[in-house]
C-alpha cells in the first residue's frame, strides 16, 4: 500500500565494511555532488561515494 508521502532521503551504509573516517568522507562526497532537492524521496547507498573518494 503506497501513500503520497515525501521524505528527506535515505542513506544506507554497510557499517561493518567501512571505517568511521571512510563513512565521513563518503558523506562529504555525497553532500558535494548531490543537491538537497535531488536527495528528496531517494535511496542512496553510500558505498559508491566512499569508493569515489578512495580512488582520488
N, C-alpha and C. Protein backbone atom coordinates (compact mmCIF):
# COMPACT_ATOMS: atom_id res chain seq x y z
N UNK A 1 0.84 -1.17 0.00
CA UNK A 1 0.00 0.00 0.00
C UNK A 1 0.89 1.24 0.00
N UNK A 2 0.76 2.08 -1.01
CA UNK A 2 1.58 3.29 -1.11
C UNK A 2 0.76 4.51 -0.73
N UNK A 3 1.39 5.40 0.01
CA UNK A 3 0.78 6.67 0.36
C UNK A 3 1.58 7.77 -0.30
N UNK A 4 0.96 8.88 -0.55
CA UNK A 4 1.64 10.01 -1.16
C UNK A 4 2.39 10.79 -0.09
N UNK A 5 3.51 10.26 0.36
CA UNK A 5 4.32 10.91 1.39
C UNK A 5 5.71 11.18 0.83
N UNK A 6 6.32 12.20 1.34
CA UNK A 6 7.69 12.51 0.93
C UNK A 6 8.63 12.34 2.13
N UNK A 7 9.91 12.19 1.84
CA UNK A 7 10.91 12.12 2.89
C UNK A 7 12.16 12.83 2.41
N UNK A 8 13.04 13.15 3.32
CA UNK A 8 14.25 13.91 3.02
C UNK A 8 15.33 13.11 2.33
N UNK A 9 15.13 11.83 2.15
CA UNK A 9 16.12 10.96 1.55
C UNK A 9 16.64 9.96 2.56
N UNK A 10 17.07 8.81 2.07
CA UNK A 10 17.58 7.74 2.93
C UNK A 10 18.97 7.35 2.44
N UNK A 11 19.91 7.26 3.37
CA UNK A 11 21.28 6.87 3.04
C UNK A 11 21.59 5.58 3.78
N UNK A 12 22.02 4.56 3.03
CA UNK A 12 22.37 3.27 3.62
C UNK A 12 23.87 3.04 3.52
N UNK A 13 24.43 2.37 4.52
CA UNK A 13 25.85 2.05 4.53
C UNK A 13 26.07 0.71 5.22
N UNK A 14 27.00 -0.07 4.70
CA UNK A 14 27.40 -1.31 5.36
C UNK A 14 28.40 -0.93 6.46
N UNK A 15 27.92 -0.78 7.66
CA UNK A 15 28.70 -0.26 8.77
C UNK A 15 29.91 -1.13 9.10
N UNK A 16 29.83 -2.40 8.88
CA UNK A 16 30.92 -3.30 9.21
C UNK A 16 32.07 -3.24 8.20
N UNK A 17 31.81 -2.68 7.05
CA UNK A 17 32.79 -2.71 5.97
C UNK A 17 33.71 -1.49 5.96
N UNK A 18 33.24 -0.34 6.44
CA UNK A 18 33.98 0.91 6.32
C UNK A 18 34.30 1.50 7.68
N UNK A 19 35.43 2.20 7.73
CA UNK A 19 35.80 2.90 8.97
C UNK A 19 34.97 4.17 9.11
N UNK A 20 35.00 4.75 10.29
CA UNK A 20 34.28 5.99 10.54
C UNK A 20 34.78 7.09 9.60
N UNK A 21 36.08 7.17 9.41
CA UNK A 21 36.65 8.17 8.51
C UNK A 21 36.18 7.98 7.07
N UNK A 22 36.10 6.71 6.63
CA UNK A 22 35.60 6.44 5.28
C UNK A 22 34.15 6.88 5.13
N UNK A 23 33.34 6.61 6.15
CA UNK A 23 31.93 6.99 6.11
C UNK A 23 31.79 8.50 6.05
N UNK A 24 32.56 9.21 6.87
CA UNK A 24 32.51 10.67 6.84
C UNK A 24 32.96 11.22 5.49
N UNK A 25 33.99 10.64 4.92
CA UNK A 25 34.45 11.06 3.59
C UNK A 25 33.38 10.83 2.53
N UNK A 26 32.70 9.69 2.61
CA UNK A 26 31.62 9.40 1.68
C UNK A 26 30.46 10.36 1.82
N UNK A 27 30.13 10.70 3.07
CA UNK A 27 29.06 11.67 3.31
C UNK A 27 29.43 13.04 2.74
N UNK A 28 30.67 13.44 2.94
CA UNK A 28 31.11 14.73 2.40
C UNK A 28 31.04 14.71 0.87
N UNK A 29 31.44 13.61 0.27
CA UNK A 29 31.37 13.49 -1.19
C UNK A 29 29.92 13.58 -1.66
N UNK A 30 29.01 12.91 -0.97
CA UNK A 30 27.60 12.96 -1.32
C UNK A 30 27.07 14.40 -1.23
N UNK A 31 27.40 15.08 -0.14
CA UNK A 31 26.95 16.46 0.07
C UNK A 31 27.47 17.38 -1.04
N UNK A 32 28.70 17.14 -1.48
CA UNK A 32 29.31 17.99 -2.51
C UNK A 32 28.78 17.72 -3.91
N UNK A 33 28.24 16.52 -4.14
CA UNK A 33 27.86 16.15 -5.51
C UNK A 33 26.36 16.07 -5.76
N UNK A 34 25.56 16.02 -4.70
CA UNK A 34 24.11 15.86 -4.87
C UNK A 34 23.40 16.97 -4.10
N UNK A 35 22.46 17.64 -4.74
CA UNK A 35 21.72 18.72 -4.08
C UNK A 35 20.67 18.13 -3.15
N UNK A 36 20.20 18.95 -2.23
CA UNK A 36 19.15 18.53 -1.30
C UNK A 36 17.89 18.13 -2.05
N UNK A 37 17.59 18.83 -3.12
CA UNK A 37 16.40 18.50 -3.91
C UNK A 37 16.54 17.14 -4.58
N UNK A 38 17.75 16.80 -5.01
CA UNK A 38 17.99 15.51 -5.66
C UNK A 38 17.90 14.36 -4.66
N UNK A 39 18.18 14.62 -3.41
CA UNK A 39 18.16 13.58 -2.37
C UNK A 39 16.72 13.26 -1.94
N UNK A 40 15.86 14.25 -2.00
CA UNK A 40 14.48 14.09 -1.54
C UNK A 40 13.81 12.89 -2.20
N UNK A 41 13.22 12.04 -1.36
CA UNK A 41 12.48 10.84 -1.80
C UNK A 41 13.34 9.79 -2.50
N UNK A 42 14.66 9.84 -2.30
CA UNK A 42 15.56 8.89 -2.94
C UNK A 42 16.26 8.02 -1.90
N UNK A 43 16.76 6.90 -2.36
CA UNK A 43 17.54 5.98 -1.54
C UNK A 43 18.96 5.96 -2.10
N UNK A 44 19.96 6.23 -1.24
CA UNK A 44 21.35 6.26 -1.66
C UNK A 44 22.14 5.21 -0.90
N UNK A 45 23.02 4.52 -1.61
CA UNK A 45 23.97 3.61 -0.99
C UNK A 45 25.31 4.33 -0.92
N UNK A 46 25.79 4.58 0.27
CA UNK A 46 26.97 5.42 0.47
C UNK A 46 28.25 4.77 -0.05
N UNK A 47 28.27 3.47 -0.20
CA UNK A 47 29.48 2.77 -0.62
C UNK A 47 30.09 3.32 -1.91
N UNK A 48 29.26 3.67 -2.87
CA UNK A 48 29.76 4.23 -4.13
C UNK A 48 30.44 5.57 -3.93
N UNK A 49 29.93 6.36 -3.01
CA UNK A 49 30.53 7.67 -2.72
C UNK A 49 31.83 7.52 -1.94
N UNK A 50 31.91 6.48 -1.12
CA UNK A 50 33.15 6.20 -0.38
C UNK A 50 34.24 5.74 -1.36
N UNK A 51 33.87 4.83 -2.25
CA UNK A 51 34.85 4.32 -3.23
C UNK A 51 35.35 5.43 -4.14
N UNK A 52 34.49 6.39 -4.49
CA UNK A 52 34.91 7.52 -5.34
C UNK A 52 35.96 8.35 -4.62
N UNK A 53 35.81 8.54 -3.32
CA UNK A 53 36.79 9.30 -2.53
C UNK A 53 38.10 8.53 -2.46
N UNK A 54 38.02 7.22 -2.27
CA UNK A 54 39.22 6.39 -2.14
C UNK A 54 40.01 6.34 -3.44
N UNK A 55 39.35 6.48 -4.60
CA UNK A 55 40.03 6.45 -5.89
C UNK A 55 40.83 7.71 -6.15
N UNK A 56 40.44 8.81 -5.51
CA UNK A 56 41.14 10.10 -5.74
C UNK A 56 42.30 10.30 -4.86
